[in-house]
C-alpha atoms as a PDB file:
ATOM      1  CA  UNK A   1       0.000   0.000   0.000  1.00  0.00           C
ATOM      2  CA  UNK A   2       1.153   3.506  -0.735  1.00  0.00           C
ATOM      3  CA  UNK A   3      -0.325   6.912   0.058  1.00  0.00           C
ATOM      4  CA  UNK A   4      -3.462   5.673   1.810  1.00  0.00           C
ATOM      5  CA  UNK A   5      -5.071   6.418   5.142  1.00  0.00           C
ATOM      6  CA  UNK A   6      -5.581   3.108   6.945  1.00  0.00           C
ATOM      7  CA  UNK A   7      -7.028   2.013  10.268  1.00  0.00           C
ATOM      8  CA  UNK A   8      -5.460  -0.812  12.276  1.00  0.00           C
ATOM      9  CA  UNK A   9      -7.571  -2.039  15.190  1.00  0.00           C
ATOM     10  CA  UNK A  10      -5.647  -3.839  17.899  1.00  0.00           C
ATOM     11  CA  UNK A  11      -2.777  -1.884  16.386  1.00  0.00           C
ATOM     12  CA  UNK A  12      -0.748  -1.479  19.575  1.00  0.00           C
ATOM     13  CA  UNK A  13      -0.606  -5.239  20.107  1.00  0.00           C
ATOM     14  CA  UNK A  14       1.843  -7.790  18.797  1.00  0.00           C
ATOM     15  CA  UNK A  15       0.787  -8.347  15.182  1.00  0.00           C
ATOM     16  CA  UNK A  16      -1.013  -5.022  14.959  1.00  0.00           C
ATOM     17  CA  UNK A  17       1.985  -2.872  15.880  1.00  0.00           C
ATOM     18  CA  UNK A  18       4.245  -4.748  13.471  1.00  0.00           C
ATOM     19  CA  UNK A  19       1.680  -4.086  10.742  1.00  0.00           C
ATOM     20  CA  UNK A  20       1.107  -0.444  11.720  1.00  0.00           C
ATOM     21  CA  UNK A  21       4.812   0.388  11.805  1.00  0.00           C
ATOM     22  CA  UNK A  22       5.377  -1.366   8.478  1.00  0.00           C
ATOM     23  CA  UNK A  23       2.530   0.481   6.769  1.00  0.00           C
ATOM     24  CA  UNK A  24       3.538   3.829   8.293  1.00  0.00           C
ATOM     25  CA  UNK A  25       6.555   4.003   5.985  1.00  0.00           C
ATOM     26  CA  UNK A  26       4.282   4.762   3.013  1.00  0.00           C
ATOM     27  CA  UNK A  27       0.839   5.473   4.457  1.00  0.00           C
ATOM     28  CA  UNK A  28      -1.037   7.530   7.031  1.00  0.00           C
ATOM     29  CA  UNK A  29      -1.750   5.001   9.777  1.00  0.00           C
ATOM     30  CA  UNK A  30      -4.383   5.323  12.498  1.00  0.00           C
ATOM     31  CA  UNK A  31      -4.393   2.822  15.365  1.00  0.00           C
ATOM     32  CA  UNK A  32      -7.191   1.922  17.762  1.00  0.00           C
ATOM     33  CA  UNK A  33      -6.343  -0.199  20.813  1.00  0.00           C
ATOM     34  CA  UNK A  34      -7.814  -0.494  24.315  1.00  0.00           C
ATOM     35  CA  UNK A  35      -4.362  -1.404  25.722  1.00  0.00           C
ATOM     36  CA  UNK A  36      -5.527  -4.698  27.236  1.00  0.00           C
ATOM     37  CA  UNK A  37      -2.397  -6.406  25.891  1.00  0.00           C
ATOM     38  CA  UNK A  38      -0.999  -3.731  23.598  1.00  0.00           C
ATOM     39  CA  UNK A  39       0.855  -0.528  24.401  1.00  0.00           C
ATOM     40  CA  UNK A  40       1.483   2.627  22.336  1.00  0.00           C
ATOM     41  CA  UNK A  41       5.165   2.165  23.193  1.00  0.00           C
ATOM     42  CA  UNK A  42       5.175  -0.453  20.422  1.00  0.00           C
ATOM     43  CA  UNK A  43       4.330   2.178  17.801  1.00  0.00           C
ATOM     44  CA  UNK A  44       6.462   4.528  15.756  1.00  0.00           C
ATOM     45  CA  UNK A  45       5.972   8.236  16.410  1.00  0.00           C
ATOM     46  CA  UNK A  46       4.372   8.750  12.988  1.00  0.00           C
ATOM     47  CA  UNK A  47       1.403   6.488  13.867  1.00  0.00           C
ATOM     48  CA  UNK A  48      -1.764   8.234  15.076  1.00  0.00           C
ATOM     49  CA  UNK A  49      -2.893   6.433  18.241  1.00  0.00           C
ATOM     50  CA  UNK A  50      -6.393   6.304  19.804  1.00  0.00           C
ATOM     51  CA  UNK A  51      -6.943   4.470  23.079  1.00  0.00           C
ATOM     52  CA  UNK A  52     -10.422   3.141  22.320  1.00  0.00           C
ATOM     53  CA  UNK A  53     -12.441  -0.037  22.257  1.00  0.00           C
ATOM     54  CA  UNK A  54     -13.749  -1.412  18.980  1.00  0.00           C
ATOM     55  CA  UNK A  55     -17.139  -1.306  20.730  1.00  0.00           C
ATOM     56  CA  UNK A  56     -17.079   2.505  20.813  1.00  0.00           C
ATOM     57  CA  UNK A  57     -19.410   4.579  18.653  1.00  0.00           C
ATOM     58  CA  UNK A  58     -16.859   7.184  17.555  1.00  0.00           C
ATOM     59  CA  UNK A  59     -14.067   5.215  15.923  1.00  0.00           C
ATOM     60  CA  UNK A  60     -11.683   7.236  13.688  1.00  0.00           C
ATOM     61  CA  UNK A  61     -12.936   5.808  10.388  1.00  0.00           C
ATOM     62  CA  UNK A  62     -13.376   9.092   8.504  1.00  0.00           C
ATOM     63  CA  UNK A  63     -11.345   9.141   5.305  1.00  0.00           C
ATOM     64  CA  UNK A  64     -10.023   5.621   5.796  1.00  0.00           C
ATOM     65  CA  UNK A  65      -9.209   3.691   2.592  1.00  0.00           C
ATOM     66  CA  UNK A  66      -8.744   0.297   4.255  1.00  0.00           C
ATOM     67  CA  UNK A  67      -9.378  -1.313   7.634  1.00  0.00           C
ATOM     68  CA  UNK A  68      -7.112  -3.952   9.144  1.00  0.00           C
ATOM     69  CA  UNK A  69      -9.154  -5.472  11.952  1.00  0.00           C
ATOM     70  CA  UNK A  70      -6.865  -7.357  14.331  1.00  0.00           C
ATOM     71  CA  UNK A  71      -8.512  -6.407  17.631  1.00  0.00           C
ATOM     72  CA  UNK A  72      -9.694  -9.488  19.508  1.00  0.00           C
ATOM     73  CA  UNK A  73      -9.533 -11.509  22.655  1.00  0.00           C
ATOM     74  CA  UNK A  74      -7.209 -13.829  20.855  1.00  0.00           C
ATOM     75  CA  UNK A  75      -6.828 -17.093  22.719  1.00  0.00           C
ATOM     76  CA  UNK A  76      -8.725 -19.921  24.342  1.00  0.00           C
ATOM     77  CA  UNK A  77      -7.546 -18.805  27.804  1.00  0.00           C
ATOM     78  CA  UNK A  78      -9.184 -15.409  27.402  1.00  0.00           C
ATOM     79  CA  UNK A  79     -12.576 -16.934  26.629  1.00  0.00           C
ATOM     80  CA  UNK A  80     -13.181 -20.095  28.576  1.00  0.00           C
ATOM     81  CA  UNK A  81     -12.351 -19.244  32.195  1.00  0.00           C
ATOM     82  CA  UNK A  82     -15.830 -17.987  33.042  1.00  0.00           C
ATOM     83  CA  UNK A  83     -19.214 -17.045  31.642  1.00  0.00           C
ATOM     84  CA  UNK A  84     -18.170 -13.399  31.950  1.00  0.00           C
ATOM     85  CA  UNK A  85     -15.078 -14.008  29.800  1.00  0.00           C
ATOM     86  CA  UNK A  86     -17.132 -15.933  27.243  1.00  0.00           C
ATOM     87  CA  UNK A  87     -19.588 -13.061  26.894  1.00  0.00           C
ATOM     88  CA  UNK A  88     -16.814 -10.474  26.782  1.00  0.00           C
ATOM     89  CA  UNK A  89     -15.108 -12.451  24.023  1.00  0.00           C
ATOM     90  CA  UNK A  90     -18.349 -12.544  22.076  1.00  0.00           C
ATOM     91  CA  UNK A  91     -18.802  -8.790  22.346  1.00  0.00           C
ATOM     92  CA  UNK A  92     -15.233  -7.854  21.449  1.00  0.00           C
ATOM     93  CA  UNK A  93     -14.673 -10.428  18.718  1.00  0.00           C
ATOM     94  CA  UNK A  94     -18.059 -10.289  17.002  1.00  0.00           C
ATOM     95  CA  UNK A  95     -19.855  -7.082  17.956  1.00  0.00           C
ATOM     96  CA  UNK A  96     -16.558  -5.170  17.883  1.00  0.00           C
ATOM     97  CA  UNK A  97     -15.902  -6.484  14.386  1.00  0.00           C
ATOM     98  CA  UNK A  98     -19.320  -5.571  12.978  1.00  0.00           C
ATOM     99  CA  UNK A  99     -19.255  -2.200  14.760  1.00  0.00           C
ATOM    100  CA  UNK A 100     -15.895  -1.297  13.246  1.00  0.00           C
ATOM    101  CA  UNK A 101     -16.754  -2.464   9.732  1.00  0.00           C
ATOM    102  CA  UNK A 102     -20.131  -0.722   9.747  1.00  0.00           C
ATOM    103  CA  UNK A 103     -18.641   2.600  10.840  1.00  0.00           C
ATOM    104  CA  UNK A 104     -15.953   2.323   8.171  1.00  0.00           C
ATOM    105  CA  UNK A 105     -18.560   1.436   5.540  1.00  0.00           C
ATOM    106  CA  UNK A 106     -20.696   4.421   6.474  1.00  0.00           C
ATOM    107  CA  UNK A 107     -17.636   6.623   5.998  1.00  0.00           C
ATOM    108  CA  UNK A 108     -16.969   5.231   2.514  1.00  0.00           C
ATOM    109  CA  UNK A 109     -14.437   2.448   3.105  1.00  0.00           C
ATOM    110  CA  UNK A 110     -15.021  -0.790   1.177  1.00  0.00           C
ATOM    111  CA  UNK A 111     -11.795  -2.757   1.857  1.00  0.00           C
ATOM    112  CA  UNK A 112     -11.361  -4.777   5.054  1.00  0.00           C
ATOM    113  CA  UNK A 113      -8.761  -7.357   6.042  1.00  0.00           C
ATOM    114  CA  UNK A 114      -9.501  -9.152   9.309  1.00  0.00           C
ATOM    115  CA  UNK A 115      -8.032 -11.847  11.530  1.00  0.00           C
ATOM    116  CA  UNK A 116      -9.748 -15.203  11.768  1.00  0.00           C
ATOM    117  CA  UNK A 117      -8.009 -18.281  13.212  1.00  0.00           C
ATOM    118  CA  UNK A 118      -6.469 -21.569  12.150  1.00  0.00           C
ATOM    119  CA  UNK A 119      -7.718 -23.197  15.379  1.00  0.00           C
ATOM    120  CA  UNK A 120     -10.974 -24.130  13.677  1.00  0.00           C
ATOM    121  CA  UNK A 121      -9.157 -26.760  11.574  1.00  0.00           C
ATOM    122  CA  UNK A 122      -8.612 -28.909  14.653  1.00  0.00           C
ATOM    123  CA  UNK A 123      -5.901 -31.590  14.577  1.00  0.00           C
ATOM    124  CA  UNK A 124      -4.131 -31.842  11.233  1.00  0.00           C
ATOM    125  CA  UNK A 125      -0.977 -33.710  10.294  1.00  0.00           C
ATOM    126  CA  UNK A 126      -1.619 -32.823   6.659  1.00  0.00           C
ATOM    127  CA  UNK A 127      -1.891 -29.245   5.336  1.00  0.00           C
ATOM    128  CA  UNK A 128      -5.302 -27.657   5.933  1.00  0.00           C
ATOM    129  CA  UNK A 129      -6.938 -26.016   2.897  1.00  0.00           C
ATOM    130  CA  UNK A 130      -9.576 -23.322   3.306  1.00  0.00           C
ATOM    131  CA  UNK A 131     -12.125 -25.619   1.653  1.00  0.00           C
ATOM    132  CA  UNK A 132     -12.093 -28.262   4.387  1.00  0.00           C
ATOM    133  CA  UNK A 133     -14.954 -28.549   6.861  1.00  0.00           C
ATOM    134  CA  UNK A 134     -14.414 -26.628  10.093  1.00  0.00           C
ATOM    135  CA  UNK A 135     -16.191 -26.482  13.426  1.00  0.00           C
ATOM    136  CA  UNK A 136     -16.214 -24.497  16.642  1.00  0.00           C
ATOM    137  CA  UNK A 137     -15.086 -26.455  19.686  1.00  0.00           C
ATOM    138  CA  UNK A 138     -14.489 -23.379  21.857  1.00  0.00           C
ATOM    139  CA  UNK A 139     -16.050 -19.978  22.374  1.00  0.00           C
ATOM    140  CA  UNK A 140     -12.986 -18.389  20.811  1.00  0.00           C
ATOM    141  CA  UNK A 141     -13.352 -20.434  17.639  1.00  0.00           C
ATOM    142  CA  UNK A 142     -17.087 -19.720  17.521  1.00  0.00           C
ATOM    143  CA  UNK A 143     -16.429 -15.984  17.668  1.00  0.00           C
ATOM    144  CA  UNK A 144     -13.955 -16.133  14.785  1.00  0.00           C
ATOM    145  CA  UNK A 145     -16.332 -18.229  12.659  1.00  0.00           C
ATOM    146  CA  UNK A 146     -19.044 -15.660  13.382  1.00  0.00           C
ATOM    147  CA  UNK A 147     -16.711 -12.985  12.015  1.00  0.00           C
ATOM    148  CA  UNK A 148     -16.383 -14.924   8.789  1.00  0.00           C
ATOM    149  CA  UNK A 149     -20.170 -15.143   8.421  1.00  0.00           C
ATOM    150  CA  UNK A 150     -20.662 -11.438   9.089  1.00  0.00           C
ATOM    151  CA  UNK A 151     -17.938 -10.741   6.539  1.00  0.00           C
ATOM    152  CA  UNK A 152     -20.008 -12.682   4.003  1.00  0.00           C
ATOM    153  CA  UNK A 153     -22.942 -10.411   4.844  1.00  0.00           C
ATOM    154  CA  UNK A 154     -20.907  -7.226   4.313  1.00  0.00           C
ATOM    155  CA  UNK A 155     -19.642  -8.555   0.985  1.00  0.00           C
ATOM    156  CA  UNK A 156     -22.965  -9.863  -0.307  1.00  0.00           C
ATOM    157  CA  UNK A 157     -25.188  -7.031   0.913  1.00  0.00           C
ATOM    158  CA  UNK A 158     -22.806  -4.049   0.741  1.00  0.00           C
ATOM    159  CA  UNK A 159     -20.354  -5.226  -1.958  1.00  0.00           C
ATOM    160  CA  UNK A 160     -17.323  -4.793   0.290  1.00  0.00           C
ATOM    161  CA  UNK A 161     -14.011  -6.633  -0.118  1.00  0.00           C
ATOM    162  CA  UNK A 162     -13.696  -8.705   3.070  1.00  0.00           C
ATOM    163  CA  UNK A 163     -10.512 -10.802   3.365  1.00  0.00           C
ATOM    164  CA  UNK A 164     -10.426 -13.146   6.356  1.00  0.00           C
ATOM    165  CA  UNK A 165      -6.957 -14.446   7.184  1.00  0.00           C
ATOM    166  CA  UNK A 166      -6.442 -17.596   9.214  1.00  0.00           C
ATOM    167  CA  UNK A 167      -3.066 -17.118  10.897  1.00  0.00           C
ATOM    168  CA  UNK A 168      -0.940 -20.100  11.926  1.00  0.00           C
ATOM    169  CA  UNK A 169       1.049 -19.722  15.208  1.00  0.00           C
ATOM    170  CA  UNK A 170       2.517 -16.266  14.725  1.00  0.00           C
ATOM    171  CA  UNK A 171       5.711 -15.455  16.632  1.00  0.00           C
ATOM    172  CA  UNK A 172       8.461 -12.871  16.965  1.00  0.00           C
ATOM    173  CA  UNK A 173      10.020 -13.093  20.436  1.00  0.00           C
ATOM    174  CA  UNK A 174       9.885 -11.285  23.772  1.00  0.00           C
ATOM    175  CA  UNK A 175      12.492  -8.775  22.608  1.00  0.00           C
ATOM    176  CA  UNK A 176       9.846  -7.409  20.265  1.00  0.00           C
ATOM    177  CA  UNK A 177       6.200  -6.387  20.573  1.00  0.00           C
ATOM    178  CA  UNK A 178       5.266  -9.919  21.624  1.00  0.00           C
ATOM    179  CA  UNK A 179       6.645  -9.319  25.126  1.00  0.00           C
ATOM    180  CA  UNK A 180       3.459  -7.545  26.209  1.00  0.00           C
ATOM    181  CA  UNK A 181       1.395 -10.665  25.568  1.00  0.00           C
ATOM    182  CA  UNK A 182       3.100 -12.389  28.498  1.00  0.00           C
ATOM    183  CA  UNK A 183       1.510 -15.785  29.118  1.00  0.00           C
ATOM    184  CA  UNK A 184      -0.484 -15.417  25.897  1.00  0.00           C
ATOM    185  CA  UNK A 185       2.651 -15.137  23.724  1.00  0.00           C
ATOM    186  CA  UNK A 186       3.652 -17.884  21.310  1.00  0.00           C
ATOM    187  CA  UNK A 187       5.585 -20.742  22.900  1.00  0.00           C
ATOM    188  CA  UNK A 188       8.685 -19.815  20.875  1.00  0.00           C
ATOM    189  CA  UNK A 189       8.867 -16.465  22.664  1.00  0.00           C
ATOM    190  CA  UNK A 190       8.179 -17.986  26.059  1.00  0.00           C
ATOM    191  CA  UNK A 191      10.604 -20.885  25.647  1.00  0.00           C
ATOM    192  CA  UNK A 192      13.389 -18.659  24.281  1.00  0.00           C
ATOM    193  CA  UNK A 193      13.121 -16.333  27.260  1.00  0.00           C
ATOM    194  CA  UNK A 194      13.172 -19.272  29.660  1.00  0.00           C
ATOM    195  CA  UNK A 195      16.204 -20.890  28.050  1.00  0.00           C
ATOM    196  CA  UNK A 196      18.101 -17.594  27.820  1.00  0.00           C
ATOM    197  CA  UNK A 197      17.538 -17.076  31.554  1.00  0.00           C
ATOM    198  CA  UNK A 198      18.538 -20.614  32.490  1.00  0.00           C
ATOM    199  CA  UNK A 199      14.998 -21.680  33.372  1.00  0.00           C
ATOM    200  CA  UNK A 200      13.229 -24.850  32.281  1.00  0.00           C
ATOM    201  CA  UNK A 201      10.531 -24.296  29.637  1.00  0.00           C
ATOM    202  CA  UNK A 202       7.216 -25.803  30.735  1.00  0.00           C
ATOM    203  CA  UNK A 203       5.816 -28.144  28.086  1.00  0.00           C
ATOM    204  CA  UNK A 204       2.280 -29.503  28.218  1.00  0.00           C
ATOM    205  CA  UNK A 205       2.151 -33.294  27.997  1.00  0.00           C
ATOM    206  CA  UNK A 206       4.865 -35.202  26.187  1.00  0.00           C
ATOM    207  CA  UNK A 207       5.727 -32.296  23.875  1.00  0.00           C
ATOM    208  CA  UNK A 208       4.838 -34.069  20.642  1.00  0.00           C
ATOM    209  CA  UNK A 209       2.125 -31.564  19.734  1.00  0.00           C
ATOM    210  CA  UNK A 210       3.191 -29.519  16.730  1.00  0.00           C
ATOM    211  CA  UNK A 211       2.482 -26.142  15.189  1.00  0.00           C
ATOM    212  CA  UNK A 212       2.994 -24.355  11.898  1.00  0.00           C
ATOM    213  CA  UNK A 213       5.129 -21.468  13.218  1.00  0.00           C
ATOM    214  CA  UNK A 214       4.931 -18.368  11.029  1.00  0.00           C
ATOM    215  CA  UNK A 215       7.118 -15.314  11.593  1.00  0.00           C
ATOM    216  CA  UNK A 216       5.265 -12.046  12.088  1.00  0.00           C
ATOM    217  CA  UNK A 217       7.146 -10.362   9.239  1.00  0.00           C
ATOM    218  CA  UNK A 218       5.668 -12.874   6.790  1.00  0.00           C
ATOM    219  CA  UNK A 219       2.216 -12.391   8.316  1.00  0.00           C
ATOM    220  CA  UNK A 220       2.496  -8.616   7.892  1.00  0.00           C
ATOM    221  CA  UNK A 221       3.420  -9.012   4.213  1.00  0.00           C
ATOM    222  CA  UNK A 222       0.425 -11.282   3.711  1.00  0.00           C
ATOM    223  CA  UNK A 223      -1.946  -8.850   5.372  1.00  0.00           C
ATOM    224  CA  UNK A 224      -0.751  -5.983   3.205  1.00  0.00           C
ATOM    225  CA  UNK A 225      -1.012  -8.055   0.028  1.00  0.00           C
ATOM    226  CA  UNK A 226      -4.583  -9.031   0.915  1.00  0.00           C
ATOM    227  CA  UNK A 227      -5.514  -5.338   0.954  1.00  0.00           C
ATOM    228  CA  UNK A 228      -3.515  -4.493  -2.171  1.00  0.00           C
ATOM    229  CA  UNK A 229      -5.362  -7.226  -4.101  1.00  0.00           C
ATOM    230  CA  UNK A 230      -8.711  -6.435  -2.448  1.00  0.00           C
ATOM    231  CA  UNK A 231      -9.129 -10.119  -1.693  1.00  0.00           C
ATOM    232  CA  UNK A 232     -12.506 -11.576  -0.864  1.00  0.00           C
ATOM    233  CA  UNK A 233     -13.064 -14.707   1.190  1.00  0.00           C
ATOM    234  CA  UNK A 234     -10.874 -16.818   3.463  1.00  0.00           C
ATOM    235  CA  UNK A 235      -7.114 -17.307   3.103  1.00  0.00           C
ATOM    236  CA  UNK A 236      -4.498 -19.195   5.112  1.00  0.00           C
ATOM    237  CA  UNK A 237      -1.197 -17.645   6.157  1.00  0.00           C
ATOM    238  CA  UNK A 238       1.266 -20.325   7.216  1.00  0.00           C
ATOM    239  CA  UNK A 239       4.425 -22.091   6.122  1.00  0.00           C
ATOM    240  CA  UNK A 240       3.153 -25.607   5.411  1.00  0.00           C
ATOM    241  CA  UNK A 241       5.653 -27.044   7.913  1.00  0.00           C
ATOM    242  CA  UNK A 242       5.193 -28.140  11.524  1.00  0.00           C
ATOM    243  CA  UNK A 243       7.520 -28.562  14.495  1.00  0.00           C
ATOM    244  CA  UNK A 244       6.877 -30.064  17.916  1.00  0.00           C
ATOM    245  CA  UNK A 245       7.252 -28.301  21.249  1.00  0.00           C
ATOM    246  CA  UNK A 246      10.162 -30.621  21.998  1.00  0.00           C
ATOM    247  CA  UNK A 247      11.883 -29.609  18.764  1.00  0.00           C
ATOM    248  CA  UNK A 248      11.428 -25.923  19.583  1.00  0.00           C
ATOM    249  CA  UNK A 249      13.191 -26.328  22.936  1.00  0.00           C
ATOM    250  CA  UNK A 250      15.947 -28.478  21.442  1.00  0.00           C
ATOM    251  CA  UNK A 251      16.760 -25.947  18.723  1.00  0.00           C
ATOM    252  CA  UNK A 252      16.574 -22.959  21.073  1.00  0.00           C
ATOM    253  CA  UNK A 253      18.979 -24.671  23.464  1.00  0.00           C
ATOM    254  CA  UNK A 254      21.362 -25.291  20.572  1.00  0.00           C
ATOM    255  CA  UNK A 255      21.313 -21.652  19.431  1.00  0.00           C
ATOM    256  CA  UNK A 256      21.585 -20.260  22.959  1.00  0.00           C
ATOM    257  CA  UNK A 257      24.172 -22.891  23.959  1.00  0.00           C
ATOM    258  CA  UNK A 258      22.146 -24.003  26.955  1.00  0.00           C
ATOM    259  CA  UNK A 259      21.760 -27.406  28.593  1.00  0.00           C
ATOM    260  CA  UNK A 260      18.504 -26.705  30.434  1.00  0.00           C
ATOM    261  CA  UNK A 261      15.923 -29.455  30.295  1.00  0.00           C
ATOM    262  CA  UNK A 262      12.199 -28.804  29.725  1.00  0.00           C
ATOM    263  CA  UNK A 263       9.672 -29.562  32.441  1.00  0.00           C
ATOM    264  CA  UNK A 264       6.750 -31.671  31.234  1.00  0.00           C
ATOM    265  CA  UNK A 265       3.450 -31.071  33.051  1.00  0.00           C
ATOM    266  CA  UNK A 266      -0.101 -32.255  32.604  1.00  0.00           C
ATOM    267  CA  UNK A 267      -1.939 -29.965  30.218  1.00  0.00           C
ATOM    268  CA  UNK A 268      -4.476 -27.684  31.912  1.00  0.00           C
ATOM    269  CA  UNK A 269      -6.443 -27.585  28.649  1.00  0.00           C
ATOM    270  CA  UNK A 270      -9.214 -30.149  28.213  1.00  0.00           C
ATOM    271  CA  UNK A 271      -8.080 -32.820  25.773  1.00  0.00           C
ATOM    272  CA  UNK A 272     -11.343 -32.444  23.844  1.00  0.00           C
ATOM    273  CA  UNK A 273     -10.387 -28.900  22.779  1.00  0.00           C
ATOM    274  CA  UNK A 274      -6.578 -29.071  22.822  1.00  0.00           C
ATOM    275  CA  UNK A 275      -5.276 -28.879  19.259  1.00  0.00           C
ATOM    276  CA  UNK A 276      -2.543 -31.454  18.756  1.00  0.00           C
ATOM    277  CA  UNK A 277      -1.186 -30.461  15.336  1.00  0.00           C
ATOM    278  CA  UNK A 278      -1.584 -27.615  12.846  1.00  0.00           C
ATOM    279  CA  UNK A 279      -0.202 -27.071   9.351  1.00  0.00           C
ATOM    280  CA  UNK A 280      -1.305 -24.651   6.654  1.00  0.00           C
ATOM    281  CA  UNK A 281      -2.036 -25.103   3.002  1.00  0.00           C
ATOM    282  CA  UNK A 282      -1.402 -21.550   1.746  1.00  0.00           C
ATOM    283  CA  UNK A 283      -1.795 -22.359  -1.953  1.00  0.00           C
ATOM    284  CA  UNK A 284      -4.848 -20.138  -2.328  1.00  0.00           C
ATOM    285  CA  UNK A 285      -2.999 -17.098  -0.960  1.00  0.00           C
ATOM    286  CA  UNK A 286       0.068 -17.830  -3.049  1.00  0.00           C
ATOM    287  CA  UNK A 287      -1.971 -18.091  -6.241  1.00  0.00           C
ATOM    288  CA  UNK A 288      -3.935 -14.916  -5.488  1.00  0.00           C
ATOM    289  CA  UNK A 289      -1.030 -12.666  -4.498  1.00  0.00           C
ATOM    290  CA  UNK A 290       2.291 -14.446  -4.995  1.00  0.00           C
ATOM    291  CA  UNK A 291       2.849 -14.555  -1.219  1.00  0.00           C
ATOM    292  CA  UNK A 292       5.197 -17.154   0.172  1.00  0.00           C
ATOM    293  CA  UNK A 293       6.900 -17.114   3.579  1.00  0.00           C
ATOM    294  CA  UNK A 294      10.442 -15.701   3.437  1.00  0.00           C
ATOM    295  CA  UNK A 295      11.631 -16.572   6.944  1.00  0.00           C
ATOM    296  CA  UNK A 296      12.398 -20.225   7.578  1.00  0.00           C
ATOM    297  CA  UNK A 297      11.903 -21.861  10.966  1.00  0.00           C
ATOM    298  CA  UNK A 298      15.640 -21.904  11.691  1.00  0.00           C
ATOM    299  CA  UNK A 299      16.118 -18.277  10.640  1.00  0.00           C
ATOM    300  CA  UNK A 300      13.111 -17.273  12.714  1.00  0.00           C
ATOM    301  CA  UNK A 301      14.528 -18.925  15.823  1.00  0.00           C
ATOM    302  CA  UNK A 302      17.865 -17.214  15.231  1.00  0.00           C
ATOM    303  CA  UNK A 303      16.080 -13.866  15.050  1.00  0.00           C
ATOM    304  CA  UNK A 304      14.272 -14.584  18.307  1.00  0.00           C
ATOM    305  CA  UNK A 305      17.529 -15.540  20.027  1.00  0.00           C
ATOM    306  CA  UNK A 306      19.753 -12.797  18.581  1.00  0.00           C
ATOM    307  CA  UNK A 307      18.949 -10.144  21.228  1.00  0.00           C
ATOM    308  CA  UNK A 308      19.878 -12.558  24.007  1.00  0.00           C
ATOM    309  CA  UNK A 309      23.251 -13.226  22.378  1.00  0.00           C
ATOM    310  CA  UNK A 310      24.235  -9.592  21.881  1.00  0.00           C
END
């Protein structure tokens, strides 16, 4: 994108701030964030920041050419602890989405890129295409599926371009914007910090569960390309590779030259909703935009570890 005014919701958070700062090089960027997990300290000085909720009635959508909607309660832990959390997740993830898109539409914006989730694919040891059947096993997954259905409404009824992106295990490291996520950060960030500080990473179960780890820089490129191409529908952003929790610790220990051993504990997550394996099929995105991930797993881990080695 170049020369546009864009709105990034959740823009002071991990993925959002990386996106906002990237876009700010060539665009006028406005960020909305309620600072639940994000902080304006993550943002470049050129970014216009508004401490607001996506549930507010006066969002800064005037003159916006594109909306990047990343604001969400973005994990199972944030939704399932109580009825109150479940209802809050529903409001933020669904009502906040429709509220933001409707205000932008009323102000003349017709291009929206929004975050869905790869969690709805469940356990997959083969790459997951967007065409496969999905289901909601948690309140978090239900809220993201609801987003996708409301996006269909905005496209079909209002002729808007609504690109829903299913991210696969996005990471960067604690020495970046991911630090503010704390316990909600990707396991790569958490494990790297533990190993660098001589502490044992805590692994749920036997550590054979695997994820498709995708570096945030590749995610940001994908998000921007989705807007540039005014994509419509659902698209995966992932590498098509998967690595286990045990492998993550082993490789981090090698890079950081540590001999700490992980601590294996019983998973606090119900086995009926715990996702064992994820892996993306990003063919649709690649064919639509030419996007492919640039940062390999090994290079990504080296980037995460580099600040600890300086």
